[in-house]
Structures are given as structure tokens and as C-alpha cells.
Amino acid sequence: MYTKKINKISKGLIFSYSSAILLMVSCQKNRNTSNETHKIVVAQVDNTKLYQSELNTVIHPSINRSDSTALADAYIDQWVRDQLIMKEAAKYSSQDGEIEKLVRDYRQKLIRFNFENKIISERFDTIVSDKEMTEFYEKRKEQFVLKEALFLIDLVKVPTSTKKLSTIYTNWSNDRPLLNVSIDSTFQALVEKRWYTWAQIEQITQKFNKTKAQRPSSQRIKEGEYEYFLKVIEYRGSKDISPLPYISEQLKQMILHQRKLELLESYKSELYNQAIEDNLIKIGDR
């Protein structure tokens, strides 16, 4: 019954304004929107009005005539339904003080949130030094337990046609300089020297021995026209403490978050002390 009433009202409103909307949208394609659009009412439910200016925000001048009509009809229909629901809901919430309290609380939180962001944008320092990060890590490193093993590696790829390949591998695996060794220009590091999971290493090749890699070691495998050298510089098992470089970005975000909180608390203290000085605060008989 109520749904039929809504449909009847919304369809009547849409029928009354569709041709006018279409004409106005069409005219907009040939001229700039004037202030008059802010005065043109295209739909109304009780005392609440929908103006042409709002409708213009969803109907772009480049849309063709038929699409403009369909979009206008759909928007007005939804707007009418929303207004009717709100009108009906208001009958039951007009005496509900809890709703008003929620609105006030939300408004206060929104104002506070926007102001805090303003303070942060004006005073916040986003630079985190290596020393600060290390100190933060050392105090809390027991919190950063690994869920899977990590490997600090050096991984390179060398064509099998490269001369003196065994000498290159021996020198490379023992961190010796590659002197007097002719290395093909396609000799290349495959990954940056940093911490990786085994799954990330296997994305390059699955032929490396994982068990051997669980300690400082070197491996050499052949796949196709290339040989791959894997050097494990350091290993951390699951349940070990995560190495600092692996979680550096996470640490930085934690430090910045803590810094924001401290900044806001400091600002609150400034306001409080100033209010005390200006005799703006009175609590009970104190």
C-alpha cells in the first residue's frame, strides 16, 4: 500500500518535470550554466525541493537526449523515494532525543577530526631517521615475530655460454673480486640484496634446495640457457625476530602514528594551559 503510494507520487512528479529537464539539459550544451538553475525546482516532496542545479551534477552536457531523459527520470525517482522515507522516518524520530545526541556527537567528532588534520598538516614532521627507527625497533622487537622464514640473498643469472663460468661462480660465492675473468654483458643480478620469502625466490626458479638455503650457503643450478647463482647471506626462521630492514616501512608508520598522537596531546596541553591562564575553566567549586 505504502509502496504503491510512493510509486504514484514519484511517477507523477517525474512525468511533470521530464520534458522541462530534457529541454534545460539540451540548452546547457550550447551555453554555460547560469545562476537561474539554482532557482528552478524540478521535483518537490512536501516542503523539500530538488533544484535543477543539483540535477546538473549528475547529467553531463555531453550525454545524448535519450540518455539524459533516462538518467533524469531515475535520479528524480530515487530522490522522491528517499524524501518520502525520510519524511515518514521523521515522524518516529522527532521525539527521539538519542538521534539528536548522535547527530551532535557525530558533528563534534567531524569538526574535531578536520581540525586535528589541520594541526597535523601544519606541524607534523614526516622524516624518520635511521637512529630513531633502530631505537624504536630495539625497544619493541619482541613484537615482530616472523610467521614464515626469510632469506637475505644475492641472486644472479648468467648465460651458460659465459667463459670460465666455474671460476666466476667460485669467486662470486666466496665474495672474491672477479679479476681477470671475462664476464658476458648479460651477467645480471636478478633481485635486490634484501630479505625474501621462499615463495618469492621460487617465482624465479623452483630448482634451488630450500633445506640447504636455511643457513649461509651458495647454490648453482642450470635451467635452459642460463645458470642461476643463489647466495644466502643470512637466514631467519619462522618464530624468529623479524630483521629491521624487512619491516622498516611498518616501523616508520608506527613511529609516525605515535608522533601524531604525541603532537595532538601536546597541542591539547597548550590549549589547556592557555585556558587556565585566561581563567576560562571552572570546575565545580574549584
Protein backbone atom coordinates (compact mmCIF):
# COMPACT_ATOMS: atom_id res chain seq x y z
CA MET A 1 0.00 0.00 0.00
CA TYR A 2 2.73 2.40 1.04
CA THR A 3 4.95 1.31 -1.88
CA LYS A 4 2.12 1.96 -4.34
CA LYS A 5 1.68 5.42 -2.83
CA ILE A 6 5.38 6.18 -3.34
CA ASN A 7 5.29 4.91 -6.92
CA LYS A 8 2.22 7.02 -7.67
CA ILE A 9 3.74 10.20 -6.26
CA SER A 10 7.19 9.70 -7.80
CA LYS A 11 5.80 8.84 -11.25
CA GLY A 12 3.58 11.89 -11.16
CA LEU A 13 6.50 14.14 -10.33
CA ILE A 14 8.70 12.58 -12.99
CA PHE A 15 6.01 12.96 -15.64
CA SER A 16 5.52 16.59 -14.74
CA TYR A 17 9.18 17.56 -14.99
CA SER A 18 10.79 15.23 -17.56
CA SER A 19 10.17 17.41 -20.60
CA ALA A 20 11.37 20.52 -18.80
CA ILE A 21 14.51 18.75 -17.60
CA LEU A 22 15.30 17.47 -21.06
CA LEU A 23 14.91 20.94 -22.54
CA MET A 24 17.15 22.51 -19.91
CA VAL A 25 19.85 19.86 -20.25
CA SER A 26 19.78 20.27 -24.01
CA CYS A 27 20.17 24.02 -23.68
CA GLN A 28 23.15 23.54 -21.40
CA LYS A 29 25.08 22.00 -24.25
CA ASN A 30 25.08 25.34 -26.02
CA ARG A 31 25.55 27.75 -23.11
CA ASN A 32 27.13 27.96 -19.67
CA THR A 33 25.09 27.13 -16.59
CA SER A 34 23.65 30.33 -15.10
CA ASN A 35 22.58 31.12 -11.59
CA GLU A 36 19.00 30.59 -12.70
CA THR A 37 19.46 26.81 -12.41
CA HIS A 38 19.75 27.28 -8.66
CA LYS A 39 16.18 28.60 -8.61
CA ILE A 40 14.48 26.05 -10.88
CA VAL A 41 12.61 23.36 -8.93
CA VAL A 42 12.40 20.04 -10.77
CA ALA A 43 10.79 17.98 -8.01
CA GLN A 44 9.23 18.57 -4.61
CA VAL A 45 8.08 16.42 -1.70
CA ASP A 46 6.18 18.45 0.86
CA ASN A 47 8.50 21.41 1.59
CA THR A 48 11.69 19.75 0.37
CA LYS A 49 12.78 20.73 -3.13
CA LEU A 50 15.15 19.32 -5.72
CA TYR A 51 16.74 22.05 -7.83
CA GLN A 52 17.99 21.93 -11.39
CA SER A 53 21.50 22.82 -10.17
CA GLU A 54 21.71 19.55 -8.23
CA LEU A 55 20.41 17.58 -11.18
CA ASN A 56 23.08 19.14 -13.37
CA THR A 57 25.77 17.50 -11.26
CA VAL A 58 24.66 14.04 -12.45
CA ILE A 59 23.70 14.88 -16.04
CA HIS A 60 26.68 15.94 -18.11
CA PRO A 61 26.04 18.15 -21.16
CA SER A 62 27.80 15.62 -23.39
CA ILE A 63 25.14 12.94 -22.71
CA ASN A 64 22.70 12.48 -25.57
CA ARG A 65 19.00 13.37 -25.31
CA SER A 66 17.59 9.90 -24.64
CA ASP A 67 20.22 9.05 -22.04
CA SER A 68 19.70 12.43 -20.34
CA THR A 69 15.98 11.74 -20.00
CA ALA A 70 16.54 8.25 -18.58
CA LEU A 71 19.16 9.49 -16.13
CA ALA A 72 16.99 12.40 -15.01
CA ASP A 73 13.97 10.14 -14.51
CA ALA A 74 16.00 7.65 -12.47
CA TYR A 75 17.59 10.34 -10.31
CA ILE A 76 14.29 12.09 -9.57
CA ASP A 77 12.53 8.83 -8.84
CA GLN A 78 15.23 7.84 -6.32
CA TRP A 79 15.26 11.33 -4.79
CA VAL A 80 11.48 11.27 -4.30
CA ARG A 81 11.61 7.83 -2.67
CA ASP A 82 14.41 8.94 -0.35
CA GLN A 83 12.50 12.04 0.71
CA LEU A 84 9.32 10.07 1.39
CA ILE A 85 11.21 7.58 3.53
CA MET A 86 12.91 10.39 5.45
CA LYS A 87 9.58 12.17 5.93
CA GLU A 88 8.00 9.01 7.29
CA ALA A 89 11.01 8.21 9.49
CA ALA A 90 10.96 11.73 10.93
CA LYS A 91 7.51 11.03 12.44
CA TYR A 92 9.04 8.36 14.64
CA SER A 93 12.31 10.09 15.47
CA SER A 94 11.05 13.59 16.24
CA GLN A 95 10.66 12.70 19.89
CA ASP A 96 13.81 10.59 20.00
CA GLY A 97 16.48 12.53 21.86
CA GLU A 98 19.01 9.79 21.18
CA ILE A 99 19.02 10.63 17.46
CA GLU A 100 19.75 14.28 18.19
CA LYS A 101 22.53 13.26 20.56
CA LEU A 102 24.08 11.02 17.90
CA VAL A 103 23.92 13.86 15.37
CA ARG A 104 25.59 16.27 17.81
CA ASP A 105 28.26 13.73 18.71
CA TYR A 106 28.98 12.98 15.06
CA ARG A 107 29.19 16.68 14.21
CA GLN A 108 31.60 17.31 17.06
CA LYS A 109 33.77 14.37 16.01
CA LEU A 110 33.79 15.57 12.41
CA ILE A 111 34.78 19.10 13.41
CA ARG A 112 37.48 17.74 15.70
CA PHE A 113 38.77 15.34 13.04
CA ASN A 114 39.07 18.11 10.45
CA PHE A 115 40.79 20.44 12.92
CA GLU A 116 43.24 17.76 14.06
CA ASN A 117 44.14 17.10 10.42
CA LYS A 118 44.77 20.83 10.02
CA ILE A 119 47.08 20.88 13.05
CA ILE A 120 48.91 17.80 11.77
CA SER A 121 49.36 19.25 8.28
CA GLU A 122 50.84 22.44 9.76
CA ARG A 123 53.10 20.95 12.45
CA PHE A 124 53.76 17.32 11.58
CA ASP A 125 57.28 16.16 10.73
CA THR A 126 57.25 13.07 8.48
CA ILE A 127 61.02 12.46 8.50
CA VAL A 128 62.07 9.36 10.45
CA SER A 129 65.81 8.95 10.97
CA ASP A 130 67.63 5.61 10.94
CA LYS A 131 68.60 6.15 14.56
CA GLU A 132 65.00 6.75 15.61
CA MET A 133 63.85 3.66 13.74
CA THR A 134 66.59 1.50 15.30
CA GLU A 135 65.77 2.69 18.83
CA PHE A 136 62.08 2.08 18.26
CA TYR A 137 62.82 -1.42 16.91
CA GLU A 138 65.15 -2.39 19.75
CA LYS A 139 62.56 -1.48 22.38
CA ARG A 140 59.79 -3.47 20.70
CA LYS A 141 61.44 -6.16 18.58
CA GLU A 142 59.83 -8.97 20.58
CA GLN A 143 56.55 -7.87 18.99
CA PHE A 144 57.80 -8.58 15.48
CA VAL A 145 57.90 -12.37 15.34
CA LEU A 146 58.04 -13.88 11.85
CA LYS A 147 55.21 -16.08 10.59
CA GLU A 148 57.39 -17.54 7.82
CA ALA A 149 61.09 -17.92 7.13
CA LEU A 150 63.11 -15.18 5.45
CA PHE A 151 66.26 -15.33 3.35
CA LEU A 152 68.72 -12.46 2.84
CA ILE A 153 70.03 -13.33 -0.61
CA ASP A 154 72.10 -12.38 -3.62
CA LEU A 155 70.71 -13.97 -6.80
CA VAL A 156 72.25 -13.64 -10.26
CA LYS A 157 71.65 -15.07 -13.72
CA VAL A 158 74.49 -15.98 -16.10
CA PRO A 159 74.32 -17.36 -19.68
CA THR A 160 75.73 -20.89 -19.91
CA SER A 161 77.92 -19.70 -22.80
CA THR A 162 79.92 -17.42 -20.48
CA LYS A 163 83.63 -18.32 -20.37
CA LYS A 164 85.20 -19.57 -17.13
CA LEU A 165 81.77 -19.98 -15.57
CA SER A 166 83.04 -22.17 -12.73
CA THR A 167 85.69 -19.62 -11.81
CA ILE A 168 83.08 -16.88 -11.81
CA TYR A 169 80.84 -18.92 -9.53
CA THR A 170 83.65 -19.76 -7.10
CA ASN A 171 84.81 -16.17 -6.83
CA TRP A 172 81.25 -14.85 -6.55
CA SER A 173 80.19 -17.36 -3.89
CA ASN A 174 83.25 -16.52 -1.79
CA ASP A 175 82.89 -12.76 -2.23
CA ARG A 176 86.14 -12.60 -4.17
CA PRO A 177 86.69 -9.91 -6.80
CA LEU A 178 86.08 -11.13 -10.33
CA LEU A 179 89.53 -10.13 -11.58
CA ASN A 180 90.92 -11.29 -14.92
CA VAL A 181 87.64 -13.04 -15.66
CA SER A 182 85.79 -12.24 -18.87
CA ILE A 183 82.11 -11.83 -17.99
CA ASP A 184 79.43 -11.65 -20.63
CA SER A 185 77.43 -8.40 -20.60
CA THR A 186 74.24 -10.37 -19.88
CA PHE A 187 75.56 -11.37 -16.44
CA GLN A 188 72.95 -9.77 -14.21
CA ALA A 189 71.60 -9.58 -10.70
CA LEU A 190 68.02 -10.83 -10.68
CA VAL A 191 66.95 -9.35 -7.37
CA GLU A 192 67.98 -6.63 -4.98
CA LYS A 193 70.02 -7.77 -1.99
CA ARG A 194 67.33 -7.85 0.67
CA TRP A 195 65.07 -10.24 2.57
CA TYR A 196 62.75 -12.58 0.65
CA THR A 197 60.36 -15.39 1.45
CA TRP A 198 60.99 -18.76 -0.19
CA ALA A 199 57.84 -18.32 -2.27
CA GLN A 200 59.31 -15.14 -3.75
CA ILE A 201 62.54 -16.95 -4.62
CA GLU A 202 60.61 -19.77 -6.28
CA GLN A 203 58.94 -17.28 -8.60
CA ILE A 204 62.30 -17.10 -10.38
CA THR A 205 63.08 -20.81 -10.30
CA GLN A 206 61.92 -23.77 -8.20
CA LYS A 207 65.16 -25.75 -8.53
CA PHE A 208 67.02 -24.33 -5.53
CA ASN A 209 67.36 -26.53 -2.44
CA LYS A 210 65.36 -24.95 0.38
CA THR A 211 66.96 -27.06 3.13
CA LYS A 212 70.46 -26.00 2.09
CA ALA A 213 69.29 -22.40 1.96
CA GLN A 214 68.40 -22.46 5.66
CA ARG A 215 71.96 -21.41 6.51
CA PRO A 216 74.57 -19.15 4.88
CA SER A 217 75.44 -21.01 1.68
CA SER A 218 75.73 -20.86 -2.11
CA GLN A 219 73.90 -22.82 -4.80
CA ARG A 220 74.30 -23.11 -8.54
CA ILE A 221 71.64 -24.55 -10.83
CA LYS A 222 71.11 -24.72 -14.58
CA GLU A 223 67.80 -24.01 -16.27
CA GLY A 224 67.58 -23.63 -20.04
CA GLU A 225 70.30 -21.40 -21.45
CA TYR A 226 71.16 -19.85 -18.09
CA GLU A 227 72.72 -20.71 -14.80
CA TYR A 228 71.44 -19.23 -11.55
CA PHE A 229 73.64 -18.47 -8.56
CA LEU A 230 71.93 -18.18 -5.18
CA LYS A 231 73.85 -16.94 -2.17
CA VAL A 232 72.10 -16.98 1.20
CA ILE A 233 73.74 -14.30 3.31
CA GLU A 234 71.52 -14.74 6.37
CA TYR A 235 68.53 -16.86 7.35
CA ARG A 236 65.68 -16.21 9.81
CA GLY A 237 63.23 -19.00 10.59
CA SER A 238 59.58 -18.65 11.45
CA LYS A 239 59.12 -17.54 15.07
CA ASP A 240 62.44 -15.67 14.90
CA ILE A 241 62.53 -11.90 15.32
CA SER A 242 61.96 -10.10 12.05
CA PRO A 243 65.03 -8.24 10.73
CA LEU A 244 64.65 -4.48 10.92
CA PRO A 245 65.07 -3.79 7.17
CA TYR A 246 62.22 -6.18 6.36
CA ILE A 247 59.74 -4.23 8.49
CA SER A 248 61.22 -0.75 8.05
CA GLU A 249 58.10 0.64 6.35
CA GLN A 250 55.86 -0.82 9.05
CA LEU A 251 58.10 0.68 11.74
CA LYS A 252 58.01 4.05 10.04
CA GLN A 253 54.21 4.08 10.01
CA MET A 254 54.10 3.10 13.68
CA ILE A 255 56.53 5.88 14.59
CA LEU A 256 54.56 8.45 12.60
CA HIS A 257 51.31 7.32 14.22
CA GLN A 258 52.82 7.67 17.68
CA ARG A 259 54.22 11.05 16.69
CA LYS A 260 50.76 12.23 15.60
CA LEU A 261 49.25 11.22 18.92
CA GLU A 262 52.02 12.99 20.83
CA LEU A 263 51.59 16.10 18.70
CA LEU A 264 47.86 16.25 19.37
CA GLU A 265 48.33 15.65 23.09
CA SER A 266 50.92 18.42 23.19
CA TYR A 267 48.53 20.79 21.41
CA LYS A 268 45.74 19.91 23.86
CA SER A 269 48.09 20.75 26.73
CA GLU A 270 48.86 24.09 25.13
CA LEU A 271 45.15 24.88 24.87
CA TYR A 272 44.53 23.75 28.45
CA ASN A 273 47.36 25.81 29.92
CA GLN A 274 46.27 28.86 27.95
CA ALA A 275 42.68 28.43 29.11
CA ILE A 276 43.86 28.20 32.74
CA GLU A 277 45.88 31.37 32.28
CA ASP A 278 42.86 33.16 30.77
CA ASN A 279 40.50 31.91 33.56
CA LEU A 280 38.27 30.17 31.03
CA ILE A 281 37.93 26.93 33.01
CA LYS A 282 35.78 26.43 36.06
CA ILE A 283 35.14 23.02 37.61
CA GLY A 284 32.62 22.83 40.44
CA ASP A 285 33.64 24.95 43.40
CA ARG A 286 37.32 24.90 42.49
